[in-house]
Structures are given as C-alpha cells and as structure tokens.
N, C-alpha and C. Protein backbone atom coordinates (compact mmCIF):
# COMPACT_ATOMS: atom_id res chain seq x y z
N MET A 1 80.52 108.86 83.66
CA MET A 1 80.37 109.91 82.58
C MET A 1 81.81 110.37 82.06
N THR A 2 82.04 110.30 80.64
CA THR A 2 83.25 110.56 80.21
C THR A 2 83.30 112.27 80.01
N ILE A 3 84.07 113.03 80.47
CA ILE A 3 84.06 114.56 80.56
C ILE A 3 85.18 114.72 78.89
N PRO A 4 84.57 115.40 77.98
CA PRO A 4 85.64 115.92 76.94
C PRO A 4 86.58 116.60 77.15
N GLY A 5 87.86 115.84 76.61
CA GLY A 5 89.28 116.23 76.78
C GLY A 5 89.87 116.27 78.31
N LYS A 6 88.99 115.43 79.01
CA LYS A 6 89.51 115.18 80.45
C LYS A 6 90.48 113.74 80.22
N PRO A 7 92.01 113.91 80.72
CA PRO A 7 92.66 112.84 80.86
C PRO A 7 91.90 111.38 81.53
N ARG A 8 92.31 110.39 80.69
CA ARG A 8 91.83 109.02 81.46
C ARG A 8 92.37 108.50 82.98
N THR A 9 91.77 108.69 83.95
CA THR A 9 92.65 108.21 84.98
C THR A 9 92.92 106.71 85.00
N VAL A 10 94.16 106.65 85.25
CA VAL A 10 94.46 104.91 85.55
C VAL A 10 94.72 104.76 87.11
N ILE A 11 93.88 103.51 87.45
CA ILE A 11 93.61 103.01 88.84
C ILE A 11 94.26 101.53 88.83
N GLY A 12 94.75 101.66 89.88
CA GLY A 12 94.93 100.15 90.28
C GLY A 12 94.22 99.69 91.55
N ASN A 13 93.19 98.68 91.51
CA ASN A 13 92.54 98.44 92.68
C ASN A 13 93.02 97.28 93.12
N ILE A 14 93.31 96.96 94.53
CA ILE A 14 93.91 95.93 95.18
C ILE A 14 93.25 95.80 96.67
N SER A 15 93.60 94.56 97.22
CA SER A 15 93.30 94.65 98.54
C SER A 15 94.77 93.81 99.32
N LEU A 16 95.08 94.43 100.58
CA LEU A 16 96.16 94.33 100.86
C LEU A 16 96.17 93.78 102.33
N SER A 17 96.86 92.72 102.64
CA SER A 17 97.08 92.65 104.15
C SER A 17 97.99 93.54 104.73
N LEU A 18 97.82 93.64 106.09
CA LEU A 18 98.92 94.46 107.07
C LEU A 18 100.19 94.20 106.63
N ASP A 19 100.83 93.19 106.25
CA ASP A 19 101.98 92.84 106.18
C ASP A 19 102.36 93.03 104.46
N GLY A 20 101.48 93.97 103.66
CA GLY A 20 101.68 94.13 102.62
C GLY A 20 101.56 92.88 101.33
N ARG A 21 100.64 92.06 101.96
CA ARG A 21 100.51 90.54 100.75
C ARG A 21 99.39 90.96 100.01
N VAL A 22 99.25 90.17 98.59
CA VAL A 22 98.12 90.07 97.94
C VAL A 22 97.65 88.77 98.16
N THR A 23 98.47 87.62 98.50
CA THR A 23 97.97 86.36 98.46
C THR A 23 98.70 85.87 100.02
N GLY A 24 98.08 84.66 100.14
CA GLY A 24 98.64 84.11 101.49
C GLY A 24 99.87 83.10 101.32
N PRO A 25 100.25 82.54 102.09
CA PRO A 25 101.32 81.51 102.00
C PRO A 25 100.99 80.52 101.35
N GLY A 26 99.81 79.97 101.02
CA GLY A 26 99.31 78.90 100.15
C GLY A 26 99.61 78.96 98.98
N GLY A 27 100.08 80.06 98.26
CA GLY A 27 99.88 80.22 96.97
C GLY A 27 99.28 81.35 96.41
N GLU A 28 99.18 81.53 94.76
CA GLU A 28 98.29 82.59 94.14
C GLU A 28 97.15 82.72 94.49
N TYR A 29 96.33 81.67 94.89
CA TYR A 29 94.72 81.50 95.16
C TYR A 29 94.51 81.26 96.76
N ASP A 30 95.54 81.72 97.45
CA ASP A 30 95.39 81.72 99.14
C ASP A 30 95.04 83.05 99.25
N MET A 31 93.37 83.32 99.05
CA MET A 31 93.19 84.86 99.28
C MET A 31 91.83 84.73 100.35
N SER A 32 91.76 83.78 101.13
CA SER A 32 90.08 83.54 101.56
C SER A 32 90.27 84.65 102.90
N TRP A 33 91.42 85.19 103.22
CA TRP A 33 91.62 86.04 104.49
C TRP A 33 90.70 87.62 103.85
N ILE A 34 90.75 87.71 102.69
CA ILE A 34 89.95 88.76 101.65
C ILE A 34 88.37 88.96 102.25
N VAL A 35 88.20 87.61 101.83
CA VAL A 35 86.37 87.77 101.77
C VAL A 35 85.73 88.33 102.47
N PRO A 36 86.00 88.13 104.06
CA PRO A 36 85.30 88.86 105.20
C PRO A 36 85.18 89.88 104.99
N HIS A 37 86.42 90.88 104.30
CA HIS A 37 86.32 92.29 104.19
C HIS A 37 85.82 92.64 103.03
N ALA A 38 85.70 92.01 102.06
CA ALA A 38 84.96 92.32 100.69
C ALA A 38 83.57 92.44 100.47
N ILE A 39 82.88 91.64 101.63
CA ILE A 39 81.66 91.42 101.54
C ILE A 39 80.94 92.36 102.29
N THR A 40 81.40 93.32 103.20
CA THR A 40 80.70 94.18 104.00
C THR A 40 80.06 95.34 103.32
N ASN A 41 78.89 95.87 103.69
CA ASN A 41 77.96 97.00 102.99
C ASN A 41 79.41 98.19 102.35
N ALA A 42 80.24 98.60 103.15
CA ALA A 42 81.14 99.74 102.80
C ALA A 42 82.00 99.34 101.86
N ALA A 43 82.44 98.37 102.02
CA ALA A 43 83.50 97.82 100.79
C ALA A 43 83.04 97.56 99.57
N ARG A 44 81.35 97.12 99.46
CA ARG A 44 80.57 96.94 98.16
C ARG A 44 80.44 98.36 97.79
N ASP A 45 79.87 99.07 98.65
CA ASP A 45 79.73 100.38 98.08
C ASP A 45 81.18 101.17 97.56
N HIS A 46 81.99 100.86 98.17
CA HIS A 46 83.53 101.51 97.79
C HIS A 46 83.44 100.80 96.11
N LEU A 47 83.78 99.38 96.09
CA LEU A 47 83.71 98.96 94.78
C LEU A 47 83.02 99.60 93.58
N ILE A 48 81.45 99.97 93.90
CA ILE A 48 80.83 100.45 93.01
C ILE A 48 81.18 101.73 92.95
N SER A 49 81.57 102.43 93.47
CA SER A 49 81.96 104.13 93.39
C SER A 49 83.51 103.93 92.58
N VAL A 50 84.27 102.77 92.61
CA VAL A 50 85.61 102.67 92.00
C VAL A 50 85.37 102.45 90.41
N THR A 51 84.39 101.31 90.32
CA THR A 51 84.17 100.55 88.96
C THR A 51 83.27 101.51 88.09
N LYS A 52 82.28 102.42 88.79
CA LYS A 52 81.37 103.08 87.92
C LYS A 52 82.12 104.13 86.83
N PRO A 53 82.74 104.63 87.28
CA PRO A 53 83.78 105.66 86.28
C PRO A 53 84.57 105.09 84.89
N ALA A 54 84.87 103.69 85.31
CA ALA A 54 85.80 103.06 84.55
C ALA A 54 84.86 102.69 83.34
N THR A 55 85.59 102.76 81.84
CA THR A 55 85.14 102.25 80.92
C THR A 55 85.98 101.18 80.29
N THR A 56 86.97 100.90 80.98
CA THR A 56 88.17 99.71 80.41
C THR A 56 88.59 99.03 81.56
N VAL A 57 88.67 97.86 81.40
CA VAL A 57 89.29 97.10 82.79
C VAL A 57 90.27 96.13 82.35
N LEU A 58 91.86 96.29 83.02
CA LEU A 58 93.02 95.50 82.57
C LEU A 58 93.08 94.50 83.53
N LEU A 59 93.30 93.41 82.94
CA LEU A 59 93.42 91.81 83.79
C LEU A 59 94.47 90.90 83.17
N GLY A 60 94.96 90.16 84.33
CA GLY A 60 95.74 89.35 84.01
C GLY A 60 95.05 87.96 83.84
N LYS A 61 95.85 86.97 83.27
CA LYS A 61 95.10 85.69 82.56
C LYS A 61 94.36 84.89 84.03
N ASN A 62 95.08 85.10 85.20
CA ASN A 62 94.38 84.21 86.35
C ASN A 62 93.07 85.08 86.89
N ASN A 63 93.16 86.35 87.13
CA ASN A 63 92.13 87.01 87.17
C ASN A 63 90.91 87.04 86.51
N TYR A 64 91.28 86.93 84.82
CA TYR A 64 90.34 87.10 84.28
C TYR A 64 89.62 85.70 84.11
N MET A 65 90.31 84.51 83.90
CA MET A 65 89.58 83.07 84.32
C MET A 65 89.06 82.93 85.44
N GLY A 66 89.60 84.14 86.69
CA GLY A 66 88.50 83.43 88.03
C GLY A 66 87.45 84.47 87.83
N PHE A 67 87.41 85.72 87.61
CA PHE A 67 86.05 86.15 87.60
C PHE A 67 85.34 85.77 86.52
N GLY A 68 86.14 85.42 85.28
CA GLY A 68 85.10 84.77 84.25
C GLY A 68 84.18 83.79 84.56
N SER A 69 84.89 82.82 85.53
CA SER A 69 84.01 81.57 86.10
C SER A 69 83.07 81.88 87.13
N TYR A 70 83.03 83.07 87.54
CA TYR A 70 81.97 83.70 88.79
C TYR A 70 81.22 84.46 88.60
N TRP A 71 81.61 86.00 88.02
CA TRP A 71 80.65 86.92 87.63
C TRP A 71 79.80 87.31 86.45
N PRO A 72 80.13 86.54 85.44
CA PRO A 72 79.15 86.84 84.53
C PRO A 72 77.51 86.64 84.88
N LYS A 73 77.35 85.33 85.56
CA LYS A 73 75.81 84.93 86.07
C LYS A 73 75.20 85.32 87.11
N VAL A 74 76.17 86.56 87.75
CA VAL A 74 75.66 87.08 89.09
C VAL A 74 74.60 88.02 88.70
N ALA A 75 74.87 88.87 87.35
CA ALA A 75 74.00 89.95 86.96
C ALA A 75 72.45 89.29 87.09
N GLU A 76 71.86 88.21 86.86
CA GLU A 76 70.66 87.85 86.76
C GLU A 76 70.18 87.04 87.90
N ASP A 77 71.40 86.98 88.64
CA ASP A 77 70.85 85.92 89.84
C ASP A 77 70.14 86.91 91.02
N GLU A 78 68.86 86.79 91.15
CA GLU A 78 67.81 87.48 92.17
C GLU A 78 68.17 87.36 93.48
N SER A 79 68.92 86.22 93.89
CA SER A 79 69.47 86.16 95.48
C SER A 79 70.46 86.78 95.63
N ALA A 80 71.31 87.42 94.53
CA ALA A 80 72.34 88.16 94.69
C ALA A 80 72.44 89.65 95.70
N ASP A 81 73.20 89.98 96.11
CA ASP A 81 72.83 91.58 97.02
C ASP A 81 72.99 92.60 95.46
N ALA A 82 72.07 93.27 95.47
CA ALA A 82 71.77 94.38 94.49
C ALA A 82 73.49 94.77 94.20
N ARG A 83 74.12 95.13 94.81
CA ARG A 83 75.40 95.80 94.34
C ARG A 83 76.19 94.80 93.57
N ASP A 84 76.36 93.25 94.10
CA ASP A 84 76.87 92.53 93.60
C ASP A 84 76.35 92.11 92.30
N ARG A 85 75.32 92.35 91.76
CA ARG A 85 74.47 92.45 90.40
C ARG A 85 74.92 93.88 89.64
N ALA A 86 74.56 94.79 90.13
CA ALA A 86 75.39 95.82 89.48
C ALA A 86 76.64 95.62 89.05
N PHE A 87 77.74 95.14 89.94
CA PHE A 87 78.84 94.87 89.76
C PHE A 87 78.94 93.81 88.51
N SER A 88 78.15 93.09 88.47
CA SER A 88 78.25 91.99 87.67
C SER A 88 77.83 92.44 85.86
N LYS A 89 76.92 93.41 85.94
CA LYS A 89 76.48 93.78 84.86
C LYS A 89 77.15 94.82 84.21
N TRP A 90 78.15 95.56 85.37
CA TRP A 90 79.24 96.83 84.56
C TRP A 90 80.23 95.65 83.91
N LEU A 91 80.86 94.71 84.64
CA LEU A 91 82.00 93.99 84.32
C LEU A 91 81.43 93.20 83.02
N ASN A 92 80.29 92.70 82.84
CA ASN A 92 80.28 92.12 81.40
C ASN A 92 79.97 93.16 80.54
N SER A 93 79.68 94.41 80.58
CA SER A 93 79.60 95.46 79.68
C SER A 93 80.81 95.99 79.26
N VAL A 94 81.44 96.42 80.26
CA VAL A 94 82.76 97.01 80.26
C VAL A 94 83.95 96.30 79.09
N GLU A 95 84.80 97.31 78.68
CA GLU A 95 85.83 96.93 77.80
C GLU A 95 86.84 95.99 78.75
N LYS A 96 87.32 94.75 78.48
CA LYS A 96 88.12 94.10 79.29
C LYS A 96 89.46 93.60 78.45
N ILE A 97 90.59 94.05 78.62
CA ILE A 97 91.65 93.86 78.36
C ILE A 97 92.54 92.92 79.14
N VAL A 98 93.02 91.62 78.55
CA VAL A 98 93.64 90.37 79.15
C VAL A 98 95.02 90.53 78.86
N PHE A 99 95.92 90.56 79.90
CA PHE A 99 97.62 90.17 79.47
C PHE A 99 97.84 89.09 79.55
N SER A 100 98.28 88.49 78.55
CA SER A 100 98.76 86.97 78.63
C SER A 100 99.60 86.59 77.50
N SER A 101 100.21 85.82 77.43
CA SER A 101 101.32 85.02 76.56
C SER A 101 100.75 83.55 75.87
N THR A 102 99.84 83.11 76.95
CA THR A 102 99.45 81.85 76.57
C THR A 102 97.94 81.68 76.29
N LEU A 103 97.28 82.75 76.95
CA LEU A 103 95.66 82.30 76.51
C LEU A 103 95.49 82.51 75.19
N ARG A 104 94.65 81.78 74.32
CA ARG A 104 94.21 81.92 73.25
C ARG A 104 93.12 82.39 72.74
N GLU A 105 91.95 82.19 73.88
CA GLU A 105 90.70 82.52 73.57
C GLU A 105 90.00 83.37 74.61
N ALA A 106 89.44 84.58 74.15
CA ALA A 106 88.55 85.38 75.20
C ALA A 106 87.16 85.02 74.82
N THR A 107 86.61 84.41 75.87
CA THR A 107 85.22 83.80 75.64
C THR A 107 84.36 85.07 76.09
N TRP A 108 84.49 85.55 77.10
CA TRP A 108 83.79 86.52 77.51
C TRP A 108 83.52 87.42 76.83
N GLU A 109 82.16 88.07 76.95
CA GLU A 109 81.90 89.17 76.04
C GLU A 109 82.51 90.40 76.21
N ASN A 110 83.05 91.24 75.33
CA ASN A 110 83.70 92.37 75.18
C ASN A 110 85.04 92.20 75.79
N SER A 111 86.14 91.25 75.79
CA SER A 111 87.03 90.98 76.23
C SER A 111 88.03 90.63 74.50
N ARG A 112 89.05 91.37 75.10
CA ARG A 112 90.23 90.78 74.34
C ARG A 112 91.44 90.41 74.64
N ILE A 113 92.44 89.92 74.21
CA ILE A 113 93.81 89.37 74.69
C ILE A 113 95.00 90.12 74.01
N VAL A 114 95.73 90.68 75.07
CA VAL A 114 96.96 91.41 74.52
C VAL A 114 98.35 90.47 75.02
N ASP A 115 99.36 90.57 74.29
CA ASP A 115 100.58 90.16 74.58
C ASP A 115 101.75 91.44 74.48
N ALA A 116 101.63 92.49 75.47
CA ALA A 116 102.44 93.44 75.21
C ALA A 116 102.85 94.06 76.60
N ASN A 117 103.39 95.02 76.77
CA ASN A 117 103.96 95.76 77.82
C ASN A 117 102.71 96.83 78.41
N PRO A 118 102.10 96.46 79.56
CA PRO A 118 100.90 96.98 80.10
C PRO A 118 101.18 98.53 79.99
N ALA A 119 102.34 99.25 80.20
CA ALA A 119 102.18 100.60 79.97
C ALA A 119 102.10 101.26 78.78
N THR A 120 102.51 100.52 77.52
CA THR A 120 102.27 100.62 76.12
C THR A 120 100.98 100.48 75.83
N VAL A 121 100.04 99.79 76.45
CA VAL A 121 98.73 99.50 75.95
C VAL A 121 98.08 100.87 76.69
N VAL A 122 98.42 101.12 78.00
CA VAL A 122 97.96 102.25 78.90
C VAL A 122 97.88 103.48 77.96
N ALA A 123 99.07 103.82 77.35
CA ALA A 123 99.48 104.94 76.46
C ALA A 123 98.90 104.88 75.43
N GLU A 124 98.43 104.16 74.88
CA GLU A 124 97.46 103.95 73.72
C GLU A 124 95.94 104.00 73.96
N LEU A 125 95.44 103.69 75.23
CA LEU A 125 94.33 103.74 75.35
C LEU A 125 94.10 105.26 75.94
N GLN A 126 95.05 105.78 76.48
CA GLN A 126 94.66 107.44 76.78
C GLN A 126 94.58 108.17 75.40
N LYS A 127 94.99 107.94 74.49
CA LYS A 127 94.69 108.71 73.35
C LYS A 127 93.25 108.56 72.69
N GLN A 128 92.61 107.57 73.42
CA GLN A 128 91.19 107.19 73.01
C GLN A 128 90.21 107.49 74.02
N PRO A 129 88.82 108.26 73.36
CA PRO A 129 87.89 108.71 74.46
C PRO A 129 87.53 107.40 75.51
N GLY A 130 87.28 107.66 76.72
CA GLY A 130 86.54 107.05 77.71
C GLY A 130 86.90 107.32 79.00
N GLY A 131 86.29 106.29 80.01
CA GLY A 131 86.31 106.94 81.20
C GLY A 131 87.53 106.35 81.76
N ASP A 132 87.60 106.24 83.14
CA ASP A 132 88.80 105.57 83.98
C ASP A 132 88.89 104.34 83.39
N ILE A 133 90.34 104.04 83.31
CA ILE A 133 91.16 103.08 83.10
C ILE A 133 91.52 101.99 84.21
N LEU A 134 90.97 100.96 84.81
CA LEU A 134 90.88 100.07 86.03
C LEU A 134 91.76 98.86 85.94
N VAL A 135 92.71 98.78 86.64
CA VAL A 135 93.32 97.32 87.13
C VAL A 135 92.57 96.71 87.87
N LEU A 136 91.58 95.50 87.66
CA LEU A 136 91.20 95.08 88.66
C LEU A 136 91.89 93.95 89.53
N ALA A 137 92.17 94.15 90.48
CA ALA A 137 93.01 93.05 91.35
C ALA A 137 94.06 92.30 90.82
N SER A 138 94.65 92.53 89.84
CA SER A 138 95.68 91.91 89.46
C SER A 138 97.09 92.74 89.33
N SER A 139 97.81 91.97 90.44
CA SER A 139 98.88 92.52 91.21
C SER A 139 100.27 92.76 90.06
N SER A 140 100.56 91.91 89.31
CA SER A 140 101.33 92.21 88.42
C SER A 140 101.37 93.07 87.46
N ILE A 141 100.24 93.39 87.15
CA ILE A 141 100.03 94.57 85.83
C ILE A 141 100.03 95.81 87.09
N ILE A 142 99.75 96.11 88.12
CA ILE A 142 99.76 97.23 89.00
C ILE A 142 101.29 97.00 88.97
N ARG A 143 102.05 96.28 89.32
CA ARG A 143 103.59 96.48 89.52
C ARG A 143 103.98 96.82 88.22
N SER A 144 103.77 96.58 87.23
CA SER A 144 104.17 96.88 85.96
C SER A 144 103.92 98.40 85.79
N LEU A 145 102.79 98.77 86.29
CA LEU A 145 102.45 100.40 85.65
C LEU A 145 103.26 101.02 86.76
N LEU A 146 103.42 100.50 87.65
CA LEU A 146 104.18 101.11 88.87
C LEU A 146 105.75 101.39 88.89
N ARG A 147 106.35 100.66 88.04
CA ARG A 147 107.53 100.72 87.56
C ARG A 147 107.64 101.56 86.20
N SER A 148 106.64 101.57 85.53
CA SER A 148 106.52 102.56 84.20
C SER A 148 106.09 104.04 85.10
N ASP A 149 105.70 104.33 85.98
CA ASP A 149 105.02 105.68 86.58
C ASP A 149 103.85 105.74 85.85
N ALA A 150 103.05 104.92 85.45
CA ALA A 150 101.62 104.94 84.71
C ALA A 150 100.60 104.68 85.58
N LEU A 151 100.50 104.90 86.54
CA LEU A 151 99.27 104.67 87.71
C LEU A 151 99.09 106.26 88.16
N ASP A 152 97.72 106.58 88.13
CA ASP A 152 97.27 107.95 88.43
C ASP A 152 96.95 107.67 89.95
N ARG A 153 96.30 106.60 90.37
CA ARG A 153 95.48 106.27 91.33
C ARG A 153 95.97 104.81 91.84
N LEU A 154 96.08 104.82 93.37
CA LEU A 154 96.19 103.09 93.94
C LEU A 154 94.77 103.21 94.89
N SER A 155 93.95 102.34 94.29
CA SER A 155 92.47 102.25 95.30
C SER A 155 92.96 101.04 96.21
N ILE A 156 93.28 100.99 97.42
CA ILE A 156 93.60 100.02 98.09
C ILE A 156 92.71 99.62 99.25
N THR A 157 92.03 98.25 99.42
CA THR A 157 91.41 97.90 100.75
C THR A 157 92.27 97.30 101.41
N LEU A 158 93.10 98.05 102.82
CA LEU A 158 93.84 97.33 103.36
C LEU A 158 92.98 96.52 104.68
N CYS A 159 93.19 95.40 104.46
CA CYS A 159 92.84 94.55 105.79
C CYS A 159 93.31 94.26 106.77
N PRO A 160 92.61 93.81 108.04
CA PRO A 160 93.36 93.64 109.33
C PRO A 160 93.66 92.79 109.49
N GLU A 161 94.79 91.91 108.71
CA GLU A 161 95.12 90.78 108.51
C GLU A 161 96.57 90.65 108.40
N VAL A 162 97.29 89.82 109.25
CA VAL A 162 98.48 89.59 108.61
C VAL A 162 98.82 87.99 108.03
N ALA A 163 98.84 88.11 106.81
CA ALA A 163 98.82 87.08 106.23
C ALA A 163 100.09 86.10 106.55
N GLY A 164 101.17 86.44 106.67
CA GLY A 164 102.23 85.73 107.07
C GLY A 164 103.02 85.19 106.01
N GLY A 165 103.00 85.49 104.97
CA GLY A 165 103.61 84.83 103.60
C GLY A 165 102.79 85.03 102.52
N GLY A 166 103.49 85.00 101.37
CA GLY A 166 102.70 85.26 100.08
C GLY A 166 103.32 86.09 99.20
N ALA A 167 102.84 86.45 98.08
CA ALA A 167 103.06 88.04 97.25
C ALA A 167 103.11 89.03 97.82
N ARG A 168 103.93 90.11 97.58
CA ARG A 168 103.63 91.44 98.03
C ARG A 168 103.62 92.07 96.55
N LEU A 169 102.96 93.00 96.84
CA LEU A 169 102.50 94.19 96.06
C LEU A 169 103.76 95.16 95.67
N PHE A 170 104.46 95.78 96.83
CA PHE A 170 105.25 96.43 96.57
C PHE A 170 106.78 95.48 96.75
N GLU A 171 107.21 95.42 95.70
CA GLU A 171 108.50 94.41 95.42
C GLU A 171 109.68 95.47 95.73
N ASP A 172 110.87 94.89 96.10
CA ASP A 172 112.00 95.99 96.23
C ASP A 172 112.37 96.15 94.68
N GLY A 173 113.03 97.27 94.47
CA GLY A 173 113.21 97.57 93.10
C GLY A 173 112.08 98.21 92.39
N LEU A 174 111.21 98.76 92.74
CA LEU A 174 110.14 99.31 92.36
C LEU A 174 110.84 101.01 92.27
N PRO A 175 110.61 102.07 91.45
CA PRO A 175 110.91 103.35 91.59
C PRO A 175 110.34 104.15 92.65
N ALA A 176 110.88 104.88 93.35
CA ALA A 176 110.48 105.72 94.50
C ALA A 176 109.15 106.75 93.87
N SER A 177 108.27 106.82 94.45
CA SER A 177 107.22 107.86 94.35
C SER A 177 106.34 108.41 95.43
N SER A 178 105.74 109.56 95.43
CA SER A 178 105.08 109.96 96.18
C SER A 178 103.30 110.19 95.98
N TRP A 179 102.68 110.03 96.98
CA TRP A 179 101.40 109.76 96.59
C TRP A 179 100.53 110.68 97.96
N THR A 180 99.25 111.12 97.72
CA THR A 180 98.69 111.74 98.58
C THR A 180 97.47 111.23 98.74
N LEU A 181 96.93 111.10 100.09
CA LEU A 181 95.78 110.27 100.56
C LEU A 181 94.54 111.53 100.16
N SER A 182 93.35 110.54 99.34
CA SER A 182 92.10 111.69 98.83
C SER A 182 91.04 111.07 99.46
N LEU A 183 91.11 109.91 100.00
CA LEU A 183 89.68 109.28 100.42
C LEU A 183 90.33 108.15 101.45
N SER A 184 89.50 107.99 102.45
CA SER A 184 89.80 106.86 103.44
C SER A 184 88.46 106.68 103.87
N THR A 185 88.15 105.12 104.12
CA THR A 185 86.78 104.88 104.60
C THR A 185 86.73 103.51 105.29
N ALA A 186 86.29 103.52 106.70
CA ALA A 186 86.59 102.26 107.36
C ALA A 186 85.27 101.32 107.07
N THR A 187 85.47 100.07 107.25
CA THR A 187 84.40 99.16 106.61
C THR A 187 83.91 98.75 108.09
N GLU A 188 82.97 97.73 108.00
CA GLU A 188 82.36 97.34 109.26
C GLU A 188 83.16 96.35 109.95
N SER A 189 84.05 95.71 108.82
CA SER A 189 85.15 94.66 109.26
C SER A 189 86.31 95.24 109.97
N GLY A 190 86.18 96.57 109.96
CA GLY A 190 87.61 97.29 110.16
C GLY A 190 88.65 97.23 109.22
N ALA A 191 88.40 96.82 107.97
CA ALA A 191 89.18 97.41 106.87
C ALA A 191 89.29 98.78 106.55
N LEU A 192 90.32 99.30 105.77
CA LEU A 192 90.45 100.46 105.28
C LEU A 192 90.22 100.82 103.63
N CYS A 193 89.31 101.41 103.12
CA CYS A 193 89.21 101.65 101.75
C CYS A 193 89.92 102.77 101.41
N LEU A 194 90.89 102.74 100.89
CA LEU A 194 91.96 104.22 100.70
C LEU A 194 92.37 104.36 99.32
N HIS A 195 92.26 105.79 99.01
CA HIS A 195 92.80 106.21 97.43
C HIS A 195 93.97 106.76 97.86
N TYR A 196 95.04 106.67 96.94
CA TYR A 196 95.97 107.60 96.99
C TYR A 196 96.39 108.07 95.62
N ASN A 197 96.40 109.18 95.30
CA ASN A 197 96.87 109.75 94.03
C ASN A 197 98.09 110.29 93.98
N ARG A 198 98.62 109.87 92.74
CA ARG A 198 100.19 110.07 92.21
C ARG A 198 100.39 111.44 92.18
N VAL A 199 101.71 111.84 93.08
CA VAL A 199 102.12 113.07 93.31
C VAL A 199 103.13 113.52 92.21
N ARG A 200 103.10 114.21 91.27
CA ARG A 200 104.32 114.44 90.14
C ARG A 200 104.24 115.52 89.89
N LYS A 201 105.67 116.11 90.24
CA LYS A 201 106.47 117.69 89.65
C LYS A 201 105.88 118.07 88.62
N GLU A 202 105.25 119.31 88.29
CA GLU A 202 105.29 120.04 87.31
C GLU A 202 106.06 120.12 86.32
C-alpha cells in the first residue's frame, strides 16, 4: 500500500555466494548454485514480502528476457507453488522498466525500455506516487545505483556456497557507505535473507 507523502524506498534484491559472487565461473548464466536456496519455504516467503510493497521493478536486458520467458505463464499454472503463482501475478501486473541500449521491443505487459542512467530514472520515479522501487536480481543496475548512492536498502539472500569465480556484486571502486541490519531470516537450506538499510548523515 502506498502511503501519501512517504518517499519511495529504492531496494536492490540479489542473491550472493559466500565469496560475493552473483554468477559462477561458467559465465552470466551460471547460477545453478542459487536454485536450491531460492525454492525453500523461507526464501519464497521472503521474496513475497519484498515484492508486495513494490509497484515498479527495474531490470537489465538479460533478466528481463530470462524472467519474461518463464514467469508470465506461472500465474495460471495450478501445479505451481501458490507463492510462485502470486509472484508471477505481481510481476505481470507491476510496472517494469528495462535498461537496455540494444533491446527494441518490450513484449511483456506493463514494461518499457529505457536507455538512460538508472540513478536518473530513479530520481524521476521518486517524484511520482507509488510504492517501493525494486531492482530484481540485476547486479549491473544495483552497482550503478550504489555508485550514485541511490539505494535505500539491500535485500540479500546469502547462499552458503563458494562459487569459486564469476561476477562480483561489490566491485573495487564503489564509494564507501554504511549500512545497518534490519532483518535476518535463516532458510531451511542454510541461506540467510538479509535486509541492510543505508545509513546517511542528516
């Protein structure tokens, strides 16, 4: 629910390995180590709690195409977990902004393509009414917003895996920042669902 006058919270939601990776050594699609930790009851409940207050989702091209090839039909799949169906319905209905300089057509309902700096787009969104603004698993956008100090919260699922290689979320050169832990939930697989809120000086 949107509270009139309340600033829109900007959240980066991502899964990380113990060695800080968002992918494995096999490349950008090497994320099989995440799956066992994403399908636990606690992880599914956590995802619903993070996505429910959000009315805008920010996605990179690859995640948009990957999510778009799988999630739209889950909403009507009676064999799917009820939480997965709820997530699918939410994702179909929510405003989706796709950051890409090469994608020409957004075929998924309620989506549009922008070729712009994510921080600039977020600043414009914050002038508009709405709920939370959620970056959904797109590490490049999260890094861009970290560089601009435009993230209010990091929602991290820390998986008990050492990927041993792959892309890191926290690259060298990001500006220093302080965060405070506001939520910590252990899942059945041993992963931790964590919320860190940005600490800013008044």
